[in-house]
Amino acid sequence: MTGYHDYVLGLIPAALLGVTAVLAMGGLSVQAAVPVGGGVSALLIAHAMFVRGPTTATPAEGAVRTETATASPPNAD
């Protein structure tokens, strides 16, 4: 099942190459178009990391914990 971060991984090179190509064909020099495409890719990466960052799975309500904070350490003897 593909998720948001899978799509972002596909959009990073597509944005870099696509934005660069569109700007270069639109009359901007390649030396100026590449940083703009790189900036768009960097914004995608930043959004995926900081705005919709990966999360860890949380235990469901009512799930039984096998270890508690007050449990004694195992006896090595």
N, C-alpha and C. Protein backbone atom coordinates (compact mmCIF):
# COMPACT_ATOMS: atom_id res chain seq x y z
N MET A 1 0.85 -1.17 0.00
CA MET A 1 0.00 0.00 0.00
C MET A 1 0.90 1.24 0.00
N THR A 2 0.66 2.10 -0.93
CA THR A 2 1.47 3.30 -1.02
C THR A 2 0.89 4.39 -0.14
N GLY A 3 1.79 5.12 0.47
CA GLY A 3 1.39 6.20 1.35
C GLY A 3 1.97 7.52 0.89
N TYR A 4 1.79 8.51 1.71
CA TYR A 4 2.24 9.85 1.39
C TYR A 4 3.74 9.90 1.12
N HIS A 5 4.51 9.26 1.98
CA HIS A 5 5.97 9.33 1.83
C HIS A 5 6.46 8.58 0.59
N ASP A 6 5.74 7.56 0.16
CA ASP A 6 6.09 6.88 -1.08
C ASP A 6 5.89 7.81 -2.28
N TYR A 7 4.83 8.57 -2.26
CA TYR A 7 4.59 9.53 -3.34
C TYR A 7 5.64 10.63 -3.35
N VAL A 8 6.04 11.07 -2.17
CA VAL A 8 7.06 12.11 -2.08
C VAL A 8 8.38 11.61 -2.66
N LEU A 9 8.71 10.36 -2.38
CA LEU A 9 9.95 9.80 -2.94
C LEU A 9 9.93 9.78 -4.46
N GLY A 10 8.77 9.59 -5.05
CA GLY A 10 8.66 9.64 -6.50
C GLY A 10 8.64 11.06 -7.04
N LEU A 11 8.09 11.98 -6.27
CA LEU A 11 7.99 13.37 -6.73
C LEU A 11 9.31 14.13 -6.65
N ILE A 12 10.23 13.70 -5.81
CA ILE A 12 11.49 14.44 -5.66
C ILE A 12 12.25 14.51 -6.99
N PRO A 13 12.57 13.39 -7.63
CA PRO A 13 13.26 13.53 -8.92
C PRO A 13 12.37 14.10 -10.02
N ALA A 14 11.05 13.81 -9.95
CA ALA A 14 10.14 14.36 -10.95
C ALA A 14 10.10 15.89 -10.87
N ALA A 15 10.08 16.41 -9.66
CA ALA A 15 10.06 17.87 -9.49
C ALA A 15 11.38 18.47 -9.95
N LEU A 16 12.47 17.84 -9.57
CA LEU A 16 13.79 18.36 -9.96
C LEU A 16 13.92 18.42 -11.48
N LEU A 17 13.62 17.31 -12.14
CA LEU A 17 13.76 17.27 -13.59
C LEU A 17 12.65 18.05 -14.30
N GLY A 18 11.42 17.92 -13.82
CA GLY A 18 10.29 18.56 -14.47
C GLY A 18 10.33 20.07 -14.38
N VAL A 19 10.56 20.60 -13.21
CA VAL A 19 10.62 22.05 -13.05
C VAL A 19 11.80 22.62 -13.82
N THR A 20 12.92 21.92 -13.75
CA THR A 20 14.10 22.38 -14.50
C THR A 20 13.82 22.40 -16.00
N ALA A 21 13.19 21.35 -16.52
CA ALA A 21 12.90 21.28 -17.95
C ALA A 21 11.90 22.35 -18.38
N VAL A 22 10.86 22.55 -17.58
CA VAL A 22 9.85 23.55 -17.94
C VAL A 22 10.46 24.95 -17.94
N LEU A 23 11.26 25.25 -16.93
CA LEU A 23 11.88 26.57 -16.89
C LEU A 23 12.91 26.76 -18.00
N ALA A 24 13.66 25.71 -18.31
CA ALA A 24 14.65 25.81 -19.38
C ALA A 24 13.97 25.99 -20.73
N MET A 25 12.87 25.29 -20.94
CA MET A 25 12.14 25.45 -22.20
C MET A 25 11.42 26.80 -22.25
N GLY A 26 11.13 27.36 -21.10
CA GLY A 26 10.46 28.65 -21.04
C GLY A 26 11.38 29.83 -21.25
N GLY A 27 12.66 29.57 -21.42
CA GLY A 27 13.58 30.65 -21.73
C GLY A 27 14.59 30.96 -20.65
N LEU A 28 14.45 30.34 -19.47
CA LEU A 28 15.43 30.54 -18.40
C LEU A 28 16.64 29.67 -18.67
N SER A 29 17.81 30.17 -18.34
CA SER A 29 19.02 29.35 -18.58
C SER A 29 19.01 28.14 -17.66
N VAL A 30 19.69 27.09 -18.10
CA VAL A 30 19.75 25.86 -17.31
C VAL A 30 20.44 26.12 -15.98
N GLN A 31 21.44 27.00 -15.97
CA GLN A 31 22.15 27.31 -14.74
C GLN A 31 21.24 27.98 -13.71
N ALA A 32 20.21 28.64 -14.14
CA ALA A 32 19.25 29.25 -13.22
C ALA A 32 18.08 28.33 -12.93
N ALA A 33 17.75 27.43 -13.87
CA ALA A 33 16.60 26.54 -13.70
C ALA A 33 16.89 25.41 -12.72
N VAL A 34 18.12 24.92 -12.70
CA VAL A 34 18.46 23.79 -11.81
C VAL A 34 18.30 24.14 -10.34
N PRO A 35 18.78 25.31 -9.87
CA PRO A 35 18.54 25.63 -8.46
C PRO A 35 17.06 25.79 -8.10
N VAL A 36 16.27 26.27 -9.03
CA VAL A 36 14.83 26.39 -8.76
C VAL A 36 14.22 25.00 -8.63
N GLY A 37 14.56 24.09 -9.52
CA GLY A 37 14.08 22.71 -9.42
C GLY A 37 14.56 22.04 -8.15
N GLY A 38 15.81 22.31 -7.78
CA GLY A 38 16.34 21.77 -6.53
C GLY A 38 15.63 22.34 -5.31
N GLY A 39 15.25 23.60 -5.39
CA GLY A 39 14.52 24.22 -4.29
C GLY A 39 13.14 23.61 -4.11
N VAL A 40 12.46 23.32 -5.22
CA VAL A 40 11.16 22.67 -5.14
C VAL A 40 11.30 21.28 -4.53
N SER A 41 12.33 20.55 -4.94
CA SER A 41 12.58 19.23 -4.37
C SER A 41 12.89 19.33 -2.88
N ALA A 42 13.66 20.33 -2.50
CA ALA A 42 13.99 20.52 -1.08
C ALA A 42 12.74 20.85 -0.27
N LEU A 43 11.82 21.62 -0.84
CA LEU A 43 10.56 21.91 -0.15
C LEU A 43 9.72 20.65 0.04
N LEU A 44 9.71 19.78 -0.96
CA LEU A 44 9.00 18.51 -0.82
C LEU A 44 9.60 17.67 0.31
N ILE A 45 10.92 17.62 0.36
CA ILE A 45 11.59 16.85 1.41
C ILE A 45 11.29 17.45 2.78
N ALA A 46 11.37 18.76 2.89
CA ALA A 46 11.11 19.41 4.18
C ALA A 46 9.67 19.19 4.62
N HIS A 47 8.73 19.23 3.70
CA HIS A 47 7.34 18.99 4.06
C HIS A 47 7.15 17.56 4.55
N ALA A 48 7.79 16.61 3.87
CA ALA A 48 7.65 15.21 4.27
C ALA A 48 8.33 14.92 5.60
N MET A 49 9.36 15.67 5.93
CA MET A 49 10.08 15.42 7.18
C MET A 49 9.47 16.14 8.37
N PHE A 50 9.07 17.39 8.18
CA PHE A 50 8.71 18.21 9.31
C PHE A 50 7.22 18.50 9.44
N VAL A 51 6.49 18.60 8.33
CA VAL A 51 5.07 18.89 8.42
C VAL A 51 4.27 17.60 8.57
N ARG A 52 4.54 16.64 7.71
CA ARG A 52 3.89 15.33 7.80
C ARG A 52 4.94 14.26 8.01
N GLY A 53 5.66 14.40 9.09
CA GLY A 53 6.76 13.49 9.38
C GLY A 53 6.30 12.08 9.66
N PRO A 54 7.22 11.14 9.50
CA PRO A 54 6.88 9.75 9.80
C PRO A 54 6.59 9.59 11.29
N THR A 55 5.63 8.77 11.60
CA THR A 55 5.26 8.54 12.99
C THR A 55 5.45 7.08 13.33
N THR A 56 5.59 6.83 14.61
CA THR A 56 5.69 5.45 15.06
C THR A 56 4.30 4.96 15.44
N ALA A 57 4.12 3.68 15.36
CA ALA A 57 2.84 3.10 15.70
C ALA A 57 2.63 3.17 17.20
N THR A 58 1.44 3.56 17.59
CA THR A 58 1.11 3.60 19.01
C THR A 58 0.28 2.38 19.36
N PRO A 59 0.44 1.86 20.56
CA PRO A 59 -0.35 0.68 20.93
C PRO A 59 -1.84 1.03 21.00
N ALA A 60 -2.65 0.09 20.62
CA ALA A 60 -4.09 0.30 20.63
C ALA A 60 -4.60 0.36 22.06
N GLU A 61 -5.75 1.01 22.23
CA GLU A 61 -6.34 1.09 23.56
C GLU A 61 -6.71 -0.32 24.03
N GLY A 62 -6.44 -0.58 25.26
CA GLY A 62 -6.76 -1.88 25.82
C GLY A 62 -5.69 -2.93 25.56
N ALA A 63 -4.63 -2.55 24.89
CA ALA A 63 -3.55 -3.51 24.63
C ALA A 63 -2.83 -3.80 25.94
N VAL A 64 -2.47 -5.04 26.13
CA VAL A 64 -1.81 -5.47 27.35
C VAL A 64 -0.32 -5.21 27.21
N ARG A 65 0.22 -4.49 28.18
CA ARG A 65 1.67 -4.25 28.19
C ARG A 65 2.33 -5.40 28.90
N THR A 66 3.42 -5.88 28.36
CA THR A 66 4.10 -7.02 28.96
C THR A 66 5.13 -6.60 29.98
N GLU A 67 5.50 -5.34 29.97
CA GLU A 67 6.51 -4.86 30.90
C GLU A 67 6.03 -3.53 31.47
N THR A 68 6.21 -3.36 32.76
CA THR A 68 5.80 -2.11 33.38
C THR A 68 7.02 -1.37 33.87
N ALA A 69 6.83 -0.11 34.19
CA ALA A 69 7.94 0.71 34.64
C ALA A 69 8.42 0.29 36.02
N THR A 70 7.58 -0.37 36.81
CA THR A 70 7.95 -0.77 38.17
C THR A 70 8.43 -2.20 38.24
N ALA A 71 8.55 -2.87 37.12
CA ALA A 71 8.98 -4.28 37.14
C ALA A 71 10.41 -4.38 37.60
N SER A 72 10.68 -5.41 38.36
CA SER A 72 12.05 -5.62 38.84
C SER A 72 12.89 -6.21 37.72
N PRO A 73 14.19 -5.93 37.73
CA PRO A 73 15.06 -6.48 36.69
C PRO A 73 15.17 -8.00 36.84
N PRO A 74 15.44 -8.70 35.76
CA PRO A 74 15.55 -10.15 35.85
C PRO A 74 16.75 -10.56 36.70
N ASN A 75 16.60 -11.67 37.39
CA ASN A 75 17.65 -12.18 38.24
C ASN A 75 18.61 -13.00 37.39
N ALA A 76 19.87 -12.65 37.39
CA ALA A 76 20.87 -13.34 36.57
C ALA A 76 21.45 -14.56 37.26
N ASP A 77 21.05 -14.81 38.51
CA ASP A 77 21.60 -15.97 39.23
C ASP A 77 20.89 -17.23 38.91
